[in-house]
Amino acid sequence: MQQAAGKSSISWDPEKFGVRTLVSRLMQALGSKDGREIVLEIEALRDQGLVDRLEDGDYYLKK
């Protein structure tokens, strides 16, 4: 998955998004069968400091 596509796909909720909802929407948009590669890309965005996780496991976009 290209990072630009991943970033634009998560822009629908700029404050906070549940990982299940996010992965489900991205799986549909990108035609993924199980979402593993999507979670890896979300974690890559996290490594770049673009998103982070809350204690409850939800991701949020860093401002």
Protein backbone atom coordinates (compact mmCIF):
# COMPACT_ATOMS: atom_id res chain seq x y z
CA MET A 1 0.00 0.00 0.00
CA GLN A 2 1.31 3.42 -0.83
CA GLN A 3 1.65 5.76 2.12
CA ALA A 4 -0.19 8.60 0.38
CA ALA A 5 -3.19 6.33 -0.15
CA GLY A 6 -3.09 5.25 3.49
CA LYS A 7 -2.91 8.82 4.76
CA SER A 8 -5.80 9.98 2.61
CA SER A 9 -7.88 6.98 3.66
CA ILE A 10 -7.55 7.85 7.35
CA SER A 11 -8.33 11.52 6.89
CA TRP A 12 -12.08 10.83 7.29
CA ASP A 13 -11.72 11.13 11.08
CA PRO A 14 -8.97 13.57 12.00
CA GLU A 15 -9.14 13.15 15.75
CA LYS A 16 -9.45 9.47 16.67
CA PHE A 17 -10.29 6.21 14.98
CA GLY A 18 -10.74 2.67 16.22
CA VAL A 19 -8.36 0.19 14.68
CA ARG A 20 -11.14 -2.24 13.70
CA THR A 21 -13.16 0.46 11.95
CA LEU A 22 -10.09 1.85 10.25
CA VAL A 23 -8.79 -1.51 9.05
CA SER A 24 -12.26 -2.54 7.89
CA ARG A 25 -12.68 0.62 5.81
CA LEU A 26 -9.19 0.34 4.36
CA MET A 27 -9.68 -3.35 3.56
CA GLN A 28 -12.78 -2.47 1.56
CA ALA A 29 -11.15 0.48 -0.18
CA LEU A 30 -7.96 -1.38 -1.07
CA GLY A 31 -9.35 -4.86 -1.66
CA SER A 32 -7.37 -6.48 1.17
CA LYS A 33 -8.32 -10.00 2.21
CA ASP A 34 -7.20 -9.96 5.86
CA GLY A 35 -5.83 -6.47 6.62
CA ARG A 36 -2.39 -7.53 7.86
CA GLU A 37 -0.56 -5.28 5.41
CA ILE A 38 -2.79 -2.39 6.43
CA VAL A 39 -1.90 -2.74 10.11
CA LEU A 40 1.78 -2.84 9.13
CA GLU A 41 1.34 0.42 7.21
CA ILE A 42 -0.48 2.05 10.13
CA GLU A 43 2.41 1.05 12.38
CA ALA A 44 4.85 2.50 9.81
CA LEU A 45 2.94 5.80 10.05
CA ARG A 46 3.25 5.50 13.82
CA ASP A 47 7.01 4.97 13.52
CA GLN A 48 7.16 8.19 11.47
CA GLY A 49 5.36 10.07 14.24
CA LEU A 50 2.21 10.69 12.17
CA VAL A 51 -0.18 8.62 14.30
CA ASP A 52 -0.07 7.23 17.81
CA ARG A 53 -2.18 4.96 20.00
CA LEU A 54 -4.25 5.64 23.06
CA GLU A 55 -4.37 3.30 26.07
CA ASP A 56 -7.59 1.75 24.72
CA GLY A 57 -5.81 0.82 21.47
CA ASP A 58 -7.41 3.43 19.23
CA TYR A 59 -5.14 5.35 16.91
CA TYR A 60 -5.15 9.11 16.55
CA LEU A 61 -3.55 11.48 14.09
CA LYS A 62 -0.86 13.63 15.60
CA LYS A 63 -1.15 17.33 14.86
